[in-house]
Protein backbone atom coordinates (compact mmCIF):
# COMPACT_ATOMS: atom_id res chain seq x y z
CA UNK A 1 83.83 -48.59 395.76
CA UNK A 2 82.49 -44.77 395.95
CA UNK A 3 83.92 -41.69 394.88
CA UNK A 4 86.29 -39.68 396.98
CA UNK A 5 85.78 -36.11 398.04
CA UNK A 6 88.05 -33.57 395.80
CA UNK A 7 88.40 -35.79 392.91
CA UNK A 8 87.17 -34.41 389.37
CA UNK A 9 85.25 -37.59 387.43
CA UNK A 10 84.99 -37.81 383.67
CA UNK A 11 81.20 -36.76 383.98
CA UNK A 12 80.45 -35.44 386.97
CA UNK A 13 80.95 -31.53 388.16
CA UNK A 14 84.17 -30.54 390.40
CA UNK A 15 83.40 -30.98 394.04
CA UNK A 16 86.66 -29.04 395.10
CA UNK A 17 86.47 -25.85 397.28
CA UNK A 18 87.98 -23.50 394.71
CA UNK A 19 85.42 -24.56 391.73
CA UNK A 20 82.65 -23.83 394.18
CA UNK A 21 84.18 -20.25 395.03
CA UNK A 22 84.45 -19.46 391.31
CA UNK A 23 80.81 -20.45 390.97
CA UNK A 24 79.66 -18.18 393.29
CA UNK A 25 81.24 -15.37 392.14
CA UNK A 26 80.00 -15.73 388.68
CA UNK A 27 76.60 -15.81 389.92
CA UNK A 28 77.15 -12.53 391.88
CA UNK A 29 78.52 -10.46 388.80
CA UNK A 30 75.93 -11.70 386.36
CA UNK A 31 73.26 -10.95 388.93
CA UNK A 32 74.71 -7.16 389.65
CA UNK A 33 72.69 -4.59 388.39
CA UNK A 34 75.63 -1.98 387.82
CA UNK A 35 77.77 -4.89 385.65
CA UNK A 36 74.47 -5.45 383.46
CA UNK A 37 74.20 -1.57 383.09
CA UNK A 38 77.99 -1.47 381.87
CA UNK A 39 77.33 -4.21 378.78
CA UNK A 40 74.50 -2.70 377.96
CA UNK A 41 76.32 0.85 377.13
CA UNK A 42 78.88 -0.74 375.60
CA UNK A 43 76.37 -2.30 373.36
CA UNK A 44 74.70 0.88 372.75
CA UNK A 45 78.05 2.74 371.94
CA UNK A 46 79.18 0.11 369.52
CA UNK A 47 76.22 1.68 366.89
CA UNK A 48 77.43 5.13 367.72
CA UNK A 49 81.12 4.98 367.04
CA UNK A 50 82.03 5.66 363.28
CA UNK A 51 84.38 2.79 362.67
CA UNK A 52 83.45 0.26 365.05
CA UNK A 53 82.04 -3.26 364.13
CA UNK A 54 78.66 -3.60 362.81
CA UNK A 55 76.07 -6.11 363.17
CA UNK A 56 73.87 -7.24 360.31
CA UNK A 57 70.35 -7.61 361.22
CA UNK A 58 68.05 -10.48 359.97
CA UNK A 59 65.29 -10.30 357.87
CA UNK A 60 63.11 -12.12 355.87
CA UNK A 61 62.51 -11.86 351.49
CA UNK A 62 59.23 -12.59 349.82
CA UNK A 63 59.60 -13.75 346.20
CA UNK A 64 56.18 -12.01 345.23
CA UNK A 65 57.04 -8.61 346.49
CA UNK A 66 60.13 -6.68 345.17
CA UNK A 67 63.06 -6.34 347.11
CA UNK A 68 63.54 -3.10 349.51
CA UNK A 69 66.14 -0.55 348.92
CA UNK A 70 69.48 -1.84 349.74
CA UNK A 71 70.75 1.27 351.11
CA UNK A 72 68.90 0.56 354.32
CA UNK A 73 70.79 -2.54 354.67
CA UNK A 74 73.69 -2.57 357.04
CA UNK A 75 76.49 -3.53 355.25
CA UNK A 76 78.57 -6.87 356.30
CA UNK A 77 81.85 -6.25 358.06
CA UNK A 78 84.62 -6.07 355.92
CA UNK A 79 88.20 -6.87 356.72
CA UNK A 80 89.41 -3.75 355.15
CA UNK A 81 90.37 -0.67 356.46
CA UNK A 82 87.47 1.17 354.84
CA UNK A 83 83.54 -0.16 355.05
CA UNK A 84 82.34 -1.91 352.17
CA UNK A 85 80.69 0.02 349.39
CA UNK A 86 78.36 -2.86 347.91
CA UNK A 87 75.88 -4.35 350.27
CA UNK A 88 74.80 -8.10 349.47
CA UNK A 89 71.13 -8.80 349.35
CA UNK A 90 69.68 -10.09 352.94
CA UNK A 91 69.33 -13.85 353.13
CA UNK A 92 66.28 -15.83 352.66
CA UNK A 93 64.86 -17.08 356.07
CA UNK A 94 64.25 -20.65 356.25
CA UNK A 95 60.82 -20.52 357.62
CA UNK A 96 59.93 -18.34 354.36
CA UNK A 97 58.56 -20.83 351.68
CA UNK A 98 57.86 -20.16 348.09
CA UNK A 99 54.15 -19.97 347.40
CA UNK A 100 52.42 -21.52 344.61
CA UNK A 101 53.02 -18.37 342.57
CA UNK A 102 56.62 -18.86 342.35
CA UNK A 103 58.45 -19.20 338.93
CA UNK A 104 59.58 -22.61 337.94
CA UNK A 105 63.28 -23.28 338.17
CA UNK A 106 65.32 -22.08 334.98
CA UNK A 107 67.37 -24.64 332.94
CA UNK A 108 71.15 -24.64 334.01
CA UNK A 109 72.92 -22.82 331.04
CA UNK A 110 74.98 -25.89 329.00
CA UNK A 111 72.78 -28.49 330.01
CA UNK A 112 72.60 -31.39 327.27
CA UNK A 113 69.32 -31.84 325.94
CA UNK A 114 67.46 -35.18 325.75
CA UNK A 115 67.50 -36.97 322.82
CA UNK A 116 64.02 -37.29 322.72
CA UNK A 117 63.85 -33.53 322.91
CA UNK A 118 66.03 -32.99 320.02
CA UNK A 119 63.91 -35.23 317.88
CA UNK A 120 60.56 -33.66 318.76
CA UNK A 121 62.49 -30.61 317.76
CA UNK A 122 63.33 -31.64 314.24
CA UNK A 123 59.64 -32.71 313.50
CA UNK A 124 58.51 -29.48 314.24
CA UNK A 125 61.27 -27.91 312.14
CA UNK A 126 59.97 -30.06 309.34
CA UNK A 127 56.17 -29.48 309.90
CA UNK A 128 56.81 -25.76 309.69
CA UNK A 129 58.97 -26.05 306.46
CA UNK A 130 56.26 -28.05 304.80
CA UNK A 131 53.68 -25.51 305.87
CA UNK A 132 56.20 -22.82 304.24
CA UNK A 133 56.32 -24.55 301.01
CA UNK A 134 52.51 -25.46 301.04
CA UNK A 135 51.52 -21.58 301.73
CA UNK A 136 53.94 -20.58 298.87
CA UNK A 137 53.08 -22.90 296.33
CA UNK A 138 49.49 -22.40 296.82
CA UNK A 139 49.34 -18.74 298.20
CA UNK A 140 51.09 -17.24 295.15
CA UNK A 141 49.11 -15.16 292.94
CA UNK A 142 49.37 -15.92 289.00
CA UNK A 143 52.09 -15.26 287.01
CA UNK A 144 54.45 -13.90 289.90
CA UNK A 145 55.01 -13.34 293.91
CA UNK A 146 53.13 -10.92 295.97
CA UNK A 147 55.35 -8.33 295.34
CA UNK A 148 54.81 -8.23 291.42
CA UNK A 149 57.83 -10.38 290.26
CA UNK A 150 56.96 -13.06 288.12
CA UNK A 151 58.21 -16.65 289.87
CA UNK A 152 57.27 -20.19 290.01
CA UNK A 153 57.45 -23.27 292.12
CA UNK A 154 60.90 -23.96 290.49
CA UNK A 155 62.08 -20.47 290.85
CA UNK A 156 65.72 -20.06 292.15
CA UNK A 157 66.12 -16.23 291.19
CA UNK A 158 68.62 -16.98 288.65
CA UNK A 159 68.80 -13.83 286.62
CA UNK A 160 70.27 -16.01 283.56
CA UNK A 161 67.89 -18.73 283.23
CA UNK A 162 65.94 -19.01 279.81
CA UNK A 163 63.59 -22.17 281.24
CA UNK A 164 59.91 -21.67 282.12
CA UNK A 165 57.99 -23.55 284.31
CA UNK A 166 54.34 -24.12 283.02
CA UNK A 167 51.64 -24.98 285.64
CA UNK A 168 47.88 -26.33 285.52
CA UNK A 169 48.59 -27.87 282.08
CA UNK A 170 45.70 -29.56 280.52
CA UNK A 171 46.03 -33.45 280.18
CA UNK A 172 45.76 -33.19 276.61
CA UNK A 173 48.43 -30.76 275.72
CA UNK A 174 51.81 -32.42 274.82
CA UNK A 175 55.21 -30.97 273.72
CA UNK A 176 54.39 -30.16 270.35
CA UNK A 177 51.46 -28.09 271.49
CA UNK A 178 53.72 -26.39 273.75
CA UNK A 179 56.05 -25.52 271.37
CA UNK A 180 53.67 -24.26 269.00
CA UNK A 181 52.05 -21.89 271.73
CA UNK A 182 55.48 -20.31 272.91
CA UNK A 183 57.52 -20.55 269.71
CA UNK A 184 55.82 -17.22 268.38
CA UNK A 185 57.99 -15.53 271.05
CA UNK A 186 61.34 -16.98 269.98
CA UNK A 187 63.35 -20.24 269.37
CA UNK A 188 62.74 -23.29 271.56
CA UNK A 189 65.72 -25.04 273.18
CA UNK A 190 64.04 -27.72 275.10
CA UNK A 191 60.34 -28.53 275.85
CA UNK A 192 59.18 -31.14 278.83
CA UNK A 193 55.55 -32.26 279.93
CA UNK A 194 55.89 -34.17 283.47
CA UNK A 195 53.28 -36.82 282.58
CA UNK A 196 51.50 -38.22 285.13
CA UNK A 197 53.21 -41.76 286.93
CA UNK A 198 50.55 -42.34 290.04
CA UNK A 199 47.03 -42.56 290.14
CA UNK A 200 47.05 -39.64 292.85
CA UNK A 201 48.62 -37.86 289.65
CA UNK A 202 46.07 -38.60 287.56
CA UNK A 203 43.21 -37.85 289.53
CA UNK A 204 44.48 -34.07 289.73
CA UNK A 205 43.31 -33.57 286.15
CA UNK A 206 46.53 -31.46 285.63
CA UNK A 207 49.87 -31.37 284.59
CA UNK A 208 53.37 -29.41 284.52
CA UNK A 209 56.22 -28.87 282.47
CA UNK A 210 58.91 -26.66 281.09
CA UNK A 211 60.01 -25.00 278.04
CA UNK A 212 63.31 -23.42 277.60
CA UNK A 213 63.94 -20.44 274.74
CA UNK A 214 67.21 -19.62 273.44
CA UNK A 215 67.35 -16.23 274.67
CA UNK A 216 66.47 -14.82 278.05
CA UNK A 217 64.45 -11.89 276.44
CA UNK A 218 62.10 -14.10 274.13
CA UNK A 219 61.36 -16.08 277.65
CA UNK A 220 60.69 -12.80 279.67
CA UNK A 221 58.11 -11.89 276.56
CA UNK A 222 56.54 -15.25 276.78
CA UNK A 223 55.84 -15.02 280.40
CA UNK A 224 54.11 -11.77 279.88
CA UNK A 225 52.33 -12.66 277.40
CA UNK A 226 51.08 -16.62 277.92
CA UNK A 227 50.57 -16.32 281.84
CA UNK A 228 46.86 -16.80 282.67
CA UNK A 229 46.20 -17.80 278.78
CA UNK A 230 43.75 -20.20 278.80
CA UNK A 231 44.77 -23.73 277.04
CA UNK A 232 42.11 -26.52 276.06
CA UNK A 233 40.19 -24.97 279.16
CA UNK A 234 43.09 -24.83 281.57
CA UNK A 235 44.52 -21.23 282.78
CA UNK A 236 48.29 -21.41 282.44
CA UNK A 237 50.40 -20.43 285.41
CA UNK A 238 53.81 -19.40 283.52
CA UNK A 239 57.08 -18.23 285.59
CA UNK A 240 60.91 -18.73 285.84
CA UNK A 241 62.05 -22.01 286.60
CA UNK A 242 65.75 -23.54 287.02
CA UNK A 243 68.07 -23.07 284.53
CA UNK A 244 68.87 -26.41 282.23
CA UNK A 245 71.43 -26.73 279.47
CA UNK A 246 70.64 -25.32 276.21
CA UNK A 247 71.43 -27.18 272.91
CA UNK A 248 73.94 -25.55 270.27
CA UNK A 249 70.68 -25.37 267.90
CA UNK A 250 66.89 -24.76 268.40
CA UNK A 251 64.66 -28.00 268.31
CA UNK A 252 61.92 -25.86 267.32
CA UNK A 253 61.71 -22.71 265.24
CA UNK A 254 57.93 -21.48 264.24
CA UNK A 255 58.65 -20.65 260.59
CA UNK A 256 58.02 -22.45 257.20
CA UNK A 257 60.13 -24.81 255.79
CA UNK A 258 62.51 -23.77 253.71
CA UNK A 259 64.53 -27.01 252.41
CA UNK A 260 64.44 -28.11 249.06
CA UNK A 261 61.88 -30.75 248.89
CA UNK A 262 62.75 -34.09 247.49
CA UNK A 263 61.78 -35.09 244.06
CA UNK A 264 62.83 -38.62 244.04
CA UNK A 265 65.08 -38.27 240.87
CA UNK A 266 68.67 -38.83 241.52
CA UNK A 267 70.77 -36.22 241.99
CA UNK A 268 67.57 -34.57 243.46
CA UNK A 269 66.71 -32.83 240.58
CA UNK A 270 64.32 -30.23 241.09
CA UNK A 271 63.01 -29.76 237.13
CA UNK A 272 60.03 -32.57 236.51
CA UNK A 273 60.54 -31.84 233.02
CA UNK A 274 63.76 -33.67 232.33
CA UNK A 275 62.06 -36.82 232.33
CA UNK A 276 59.61 -35.50 229.26
CA UNK A 277 62.35 -34.41 227.49
CA UNK A 278 64.14 -37.50 227.58
CA UNK A 279 61.34 -39.12 226.37
CA UNK A 280 60.81 -37.01 223.29
CA UNK A 281 64.75 -36.81 222.55
CA UNK A 282 64.77 -40.60 222.54
CA UNK A 283 61.55 -40.35 220.30
CA UNK A 284 62.43 -37.91 217.72
CA UNK A 285 66.25 -37.84 217.91
CA UNK A 286 69.14 -35.29 218.45
CA UNK A 287 67.09 -32.75 215.84
CA UNK A 288 64.42 -32.19 218.77
CA UNK A 289 67.25 -31.59 221.08
CA UNK A 290 68.53 -29.37 218.97
CA UNK A 291 65.66 -27.39 218.31
CA UNK A 292 64.85 -27.46 222.10
CA UNK A 293 67.88 -26.04 222.91
CA UNK A 294 67.38 -23.12 220.10
CA UNK A 295 63.79 -21.93 221.44
CA UNK A 296 64.10 -22.25 224.94
CA UNK A 297 67.42 -21.10 225.60
CA UNK A 298 66.20 -18.09 227.95
CA UNK A 299 63.38 -20.07 229.66
CA UNK A 300 64.59 -21.01 233.40
CA UNK A 301 62.74 -24.20 233.21
CA UNK A 302 65.10 -25.75 230.63
CA UNK A 303 68.20 -24.56 232.30
CA UNK A 304 69.25 -27.82 232.72
CA UNK A 305 70.04 -28.16 228.67
CA UNK A 306 72.85 -25.15 229.42
CA UNK A 307 73.89 -25.10 233.19
CA UNK A 308 76.48 -28.06 232.56
CA UNK A 309 77.53 -28.14 236.44
CA UNK A 310 74.24 -28.11 237.79
CA UNK A 311 72.80 -31.60 239.20
CA UNK A 312 69.94 -31.21 236.79
CA UNK A 313 72.39 -31.44 233.97
CA UNK A 314 74.13 -34.67 235.43
CA UNK A 315 71.06 -36.06 235.85
CA UNK A 316 69.75 -35.31 232.24
CA UNK A 317 72.92 -36.43 230.72
CA UNK A 318 73.23 -39.58 232.70
CA UNK A 319 69.36 -40.59 232.24
CA UNK A 320 69.41 -39.95 228.49
CA UNK A 321 72.65 -42.28 228.18
CA UNK A 322 70.79 -44.89 230.50
CA UNK A 323 67.94 -45.15 228.59
CA UNK A 324 69.70 -45.23 225.38
CA UNK A 325 71.68 -48.39 226.57
CA UNK A 326 68.21 -49.86 227.17
CA UNK A 327 67.75 -49.49 230.98
CA UNK A 328 64.23 -48.80 232.27
CA UNK A 329 62.59 -45.62 233.49
CA UNK A 330 62.66 -47.36 237.04
CA UNK A 331 65.53 -49.48 236.93
CA UNK A 332 68.85 -49.40 235.68
CA UNK A 333 72.40 -50.50 236.01
CA UNK A 334 74.44 -49.38 238.91
CA UNK A 335 77.88 -50.24 237.76
CA UNK A 336 80.40 -47.39 236.85
CA UNK A 337 80.65 -46.76 233.26
CA UNK A 338 82.20 -44.52 230.63
CA UNK A 339 80.05 -42.53 227.90
CA UNK A 340 83.19 -42.47 225.66
CA UNK A 341 86.66 -44.31 225.32
CA UNK A 342 89.26 -42.55 227.96
CA UNK A 343 86.45 -40.28 229.15
CA UNK A 344 85.47 -39.75 232.72
CA UNK A 345 84.20 -42.65 235.02
CA UNK A 346 80.41 -41.98 235.70
CA UNK A 347 79.12 -43.77 238.97
CA UNK A 348 75.03 -43.86 238.49
CA UNK A 349 73.03 -43.57 241.22
CA UNK A 350 71.41 -46.41 243.33
CA UNK A 351 68.03 -47.62 242.62
CA UNK A 352 65.39 -45.95 244.21
CA UNK A 353 62.91 -48.22 246.36
CA UNK A 354 59.73 -48.86 244.52
CA UNK A 355 56.48 -50.46 246.48
CA UNK A 356 54.71 -51.60 242.97
CA UNK A 357 57.23 -53.72 241.74
CA UNK A 358 56.31 -57.31 241.68
CA UNK A 359 58.70 -59.53 243.06
CA UNK A 360 59.38 -63.11 242.13
CA UNK A 361 61.06 -65.81 244.30
CA UNK A 362 64.35 -64.26 245.84
CA UNK A 363 66.19 -67.58 246.44
CA UNK A 364 68.49 -67.08 243.17
CA UNK A 365 69.09 -63.68 244.78
CA UNK A 366 70.99 -65.12 247.87
CA UNK A 367 73.34 -67.43 245.72
CA UNK A 368 74.18 -64.75 243.54
CA UNK A 369 74.78 -62.26 246.83
CA UNK A 370 77.26 -64.81 247.91
CA UNK A 371 79.12 -64.69 244.40
CA UNK A 372 78.75 -61.01 244.23
CA UNK A 373 80.56 -60.46 247.70
CA UNK A 374 84.08 -61.82 246.55
CA UNK A 375 84.07 -58.74 243.50
CA UNK A 376 82.69 -56.35 245.48
CA UNK A 377 84.95 -54.48 248.30
CA UNK A 378 84.24 -54.65 251.77
CA UNK A 379 81.93 -52.12 253.18
CA UNK A 380 79.84 -51.80 249.85
CA UNK A 381 76.43 -53.23 249.16
CA UNK A 382 76.21 -54.90 246.25
CA UNK A 383 73.70 -54.99 243.85
CA UNK A 384 72.31 -58.44 244.52
CA UNK A 385 71.95 -57.52 248.30
CA UNK A 386 70.61 -54.33 247.43
CA UNK A 387 67.75 -56.17 245.60
CA UNK A 388 67.41 -58.78 248.19
CA UNK A 389 66.91 -56.11 250.84
CA UNK A 390 64.67 -54.14 248.84
CA UNK A 391 62.24 -57.30 248.32
CA UNK A 392 62.37 -57.88 252.20
CA UNK A 393 61.24 -54.70 252.80
CA UNK A 394 58.12 -54.79 250.29
CA UNK A 395 57.17 -58.09 251.70
CA UNK A 396 57.50 -56.74 255.33
CA UNK A 397 54.83 -57.06 257.35
CA UNK A 398 54.20 -56.14 261.15
CA UNK A 399 55.10 -60.00 262.00
CA UNK A 400 58.09 -61.10 264.63
CA UNK A 401 59.73 -63.70 262.05
CA UNK A 402 59.43 -61.31 258.97
CA UNK A 403 61.00 -58.70 261.10
CA UNK A 404 63.69 -60.90 262.73
CA UNK A 405 64.96 -62.22 259.03
CA UNK A 406 65.13 -58.40 257.75
CA UNK A 407 67.09 -57.84 261.05
CA UNK A 408 69.62 -60.30 260.97
CA UNK A 409 70.49 -59.18 257.13
CA UNK A 410 70.72 -55.82 258.20
CA UNK A 411 73.14 -56.72 260.84
CA UNK A 412 75.17 -59.04 258.45
CA UNK A 413 75.67 -56.03 256.09
CA UNK A 414 76.53 -53.46 258.90
CA UNK A 415 79.71 -52.63 257.02
CA UNK A 416 77.79 -51.01 254.39
CA UNK A 417 75.98 -49.43 257.34
CA UNK A 418 75.38 -45.93 255.37
CA UNK A 419 73.71 -47.49 252.03
CA UNK A 420 71.74 -50.15 253.86
CA UNK A 421 70.23 -47.02 256.26
CA UNK A 422 69.42 -45.28 252.32
CA UNK A 423 67.56 -48.34 251.22
CA UNK A 424 65.45 -48.61 254.63
CA UNK A 425 65.25 -44.94 255.13
CA UNK A 426 63.80 -44.63 250.98
CA UNK A 427 61.05 -47.47 251.98
CA UNK A 428 59.85 -45.09 254.79
CA UNK A 429 59.43 -41.91 253.05
CA UNK A 430 57.43 -43.22 250.32
CA UNK A 431 54.11 -41.13 250.49
CA UNK A 432 51.94 -43.94 249.03
CA UNK A 433 52.84 -47.05 251.47
CA UNK A 434 50.20 -48.20 253.56
CA UNK A 435 50.34 -47.26 257.26
CA UNK A 436 50.38 -50.78 258.19
CA UNK A 437 53.57 -51.29 256.38
CA UNK A 438 55.18 -48.34 257.50
CA UNK A 439 54.51 -49.75 261.16
CA UNK A 440 56.09 -52.96 260.13
CA UNK A 441 59.37 -50.86 258.88
CA UNK A 442 59.57 -48.73 261.79
CA UNK A 443 59.64 -52.12 264.15
CA UNK A 444 62.43 -53.13 261.95
CA UNK A 445 64.39 -49.68 262.82
CA UNK A 446 63.39 -50.05 266.46
CA UNK A 447 64.94 -53.81 266.56
CA UNK A 448 67.99 -52.44 264.53
CA UNK A 449 68.77 -50.19 267.13
CA UNK A 450 68.28 -52.27 269.77
CA UNK A 451 70.45 -54.78 268.69
CA UNK A 452 73.37 -52.29 267.49
CA UNK A 453 75.02 -52.54 270.37
CA UNK A 454 75.97 -56.54 269.70
CA UNK A 455 79.38 -57.38 269.68
CA UNK A 456 79.21 -57.87 266.08
CA UNK A 457 81.56 -56.08 263.72
CA UNK A 458 80.32 -52.56 262.61
CA UNK A 459 76.96 -52.77 264.45
CA UNK A 460 77.43 -49.61 266.30
CA UNK A 461 77.62 -47.78 262.71
CA UNK A 462 74.16 -48.55 262.30
CA UNK A 463 72.84 -45.98 265.09
CA UNK A 464 75.17 -43.76 263.82
CA UNK A 465 73.86 -43.85 260.26
CA UNK A 466 70.13 -43.93 261.44
CA UNK A 467 70.35 -40.64 263.43
CA UNK A 468 70.68 -38.16 260.62
CA UNK A 469 67.80 -40.03 258.80
CA UNK A 470 65.39 -40.12 261.57
CA UNK A 471 63.71 -36.38 261.26
CA UNK A 472 63.24 -37.25 257.60
CA UNK A 473 61.42 -40.48 258.47
CA UNK A 474 59.15 -39.24 261.32
CA UNK A 475 58.35 -36.08 258.84
CA UNK A 476 56.94 -38.66 256.65
CA UNK A 477 55.23 -40.51 259.23
CA UNK A 478 53.63 -37.22 260.46
CA UNK A 479 52.13 -36.68 256.87
CA UNK A 480 50.82 -40.20 256.73
CA UNK A 481 49.21 -39.89 260.16
CA UNK A 482 47.61 -36.27 259.38
CA UNK A 483 46.33 -38.24 256.05
CA UNK A 484 44.13 -40.83 257.71
CA UNK A 485 40.74 -39.66 258.05
CA UNK A 486 39.42 -42.88 260.13
CA UNK A 487 39.68 -41.44 264.09
CA UNK A 488 40.37 -44.99 265.24
CA UNK A 489 42.85 -45.97 262.67
CA UNK A 490 44.34 -42.28 263.04
CA UNK A 491 44.75 -43.32 266.94
CA UNK A 492 46.21 -46.68 266.54
CA UNK A 493 48.51 -45.56 264.12
CA UNK A 494 49.67 -42.22 266.66
CA UNK A 495 50.04 -44.99 269.57
CA UNK A 496 51.97 -47.35 267.48
CA UNK A 497 54.62 -44.46 266.32
CA UNK A 498 54.96 -42.93 270.08
CA UNK A 499 55.27 -46.78 271.60
CA UNK A 500 58.48 -46.94 269.42
CA UNK A 501 59.76 -43.63 270.31
CA UNK A 502 59.05 -44.37 274.03
CA UNK A 503 61.36 -47.61 273.60
CA UNK A 504 63.99 -45.53 272.64
CA UNK A 505 63.82 -43.13 275.32
CA UNK A 506 63.99 -46.22 277.87
CA UNK A 507 67.19 -47.67 275.91
CA UNK A 508 68.35 -44.14 276.23
CA UNK A 509 69.80 -44.69 272.29
CA UNK A 510 69.80 -40.88 271.89
CA UNK A 511 69.87 -37.70 273.88
CA UNK A 512 66.90 -36.39 275.31
CA UNK A 513 66.52 -33.48 273.33
CA UNK A 514 66.99 -35.20 270.07
CA UNK A 515 64.22 -37.79 271.01
CA UNK A 516 62.08 -34.55 271.95
CA UNK A 517 62.82 -32.94 268.35
CA UNK A 518 61.48 -36.62 266.77
CA UNK A 519 58.27 -36.30 268.90
CA UNK A 520 57.50 -32.68 268.10
CA UNK A 521 58.30 -33.45 264.26
CA UNK A 522 55.99 -36.26 264.37
CA UNK A 523 52.96 -34.93 266.18
CA UNK A 524 53.31 -31.32 264.04
CA UNK A 525 49.59 -30.31 263.41
CA UNK A 526 48.15 -32.92 265.78
CA UNK A 527 46.15 -30.39 267.36
CA UNK A 528 44.41 -28.89 264.59
CA UNK A 529 43.68 -32.73 264.36
CA UNK A 530 42.16 -33.02 267.60
CA UNK A 531 40.09 -29.69 267.10
CA UNK A 532 38.66 -31.37 263.79
CA UNK A 533 34.81 -32.04 264.51
CA UNK A 534 35.00 -35.47 263.15
CA UNK A 535 37.78 -36.44 265.50
CA UNK A 536 36.99 -34.21 268.44
CA UNK A 537 36.21 -36.30 271.71
CA UNK A 538 38.83 -38.96 270.61
CA UNK A 539 41.51 -40.35 272.87
CA UNK A 540 44.49 -37.61 273.28
CA UNK A 541 46.75 -41.09 272.96
CA UNK A 542 49.99 -41.62 274.85
CA UNK A 543 53.35 -39.53 274.91
CA UNK A 544 56.96 -40.64 274.61
CA UNK A 545 57.24 -39.09 277.93
CA UNK A 546 54.06 -40.71 279.60
């Protein structure tokens, strides 16, 4: 079936007569020169009118060159009544692509970083902090910072601290030496040497430590005087350290001992002539006493005959009466007595410990002690129990069996802890006791302190009773240590004592400051012993802080 003329199809051109005439008219109008001139004139006039619509010319923008002046650009057409005053930048042609010198695209603000980026930044910051600390530690001039202010690797800038940091210490310097060197500027509140614990720290061949003063002014003078001073071949680096708590009293004061030395006499009588006077009066009778009082009334050495309330006079009267009753010089009755009818009740002193008494078999003492317990009040060490303890101490050797038996006896009599501790203390402060025996008795004290936490009635009191006695005990151990001439025996004795102190510190039996004071008491004068030519080059030993 063919198409009919005059009809319009969906995809064909119009074939009617009117359409053909319209197309011919448009063709003649477009080709008319006058019409073309008219359109051109309208186009030119559009640019000359003041408020006529304006066209925006196209252009290109090169990122490598600065943008042209915006004043030369024609503004966009604005729907407002007045022309716009802000000219936007010209669009970039799609034919002008960025070259190799174009800047990299910037990160969009607010975009979340990856976890890997955060991890790398954290590592970088940590490395920078370590490098800064290393420069601060090793780049600081001796005695202060670059601006001249005294400082230290532990300086926190606290203006009230009295603690000093000591760097570049010789491995042979101990706490006692530090106290001796720094106490000349003021009382010492605490001292600590940071002893090496690893092989790397040992290989450094230097230690560090801290010493705190009771007063800030004393610490400042110590920094000024001791910074840069050579101590056993090592130049000290002294600066301020972090503040530490101070004890109520200093642990070390550089001054001569002013305490009254013990005489070994009951009541601590200070005049040795009392025993001689008693001996002469017992031999020559009351007439000699009257003659002595008549001739020596103005002599201070015989004031015990006239000062009725002094400890010396009390000792003199008791000693004279005791000897008249048949007691021996080193052994007497300890039961209370009256010198005359209805007179005051006298309580004799305890018999002091004596290493030179020859003991017999003590099997009878154990039975007598059992009978004695019923007659003595609880919390009192009877005479037989005291004698039995003294015999144990005289026979004590550094053997486990001997120390165990003595320790069990002490635990059983813990209710009389003060009296038991007095007997043990007397055995440890005797000057003529062999060093091996003193070590055995010190090990006994160590076992007692370790077992003072047992669930036994009154066992805890033993530790309380020992604490005030320990300074006297370690002062006696110090004298024994300094009196040993043989270098090897001296070092062995020192190491055995310090090992006991090290164990006590590990058990945390006493406060750290108290332990430091005991160590300083025992090591007092050891620096002079190390410089002695006969012991020079010996092992420096160990410390309670190692």
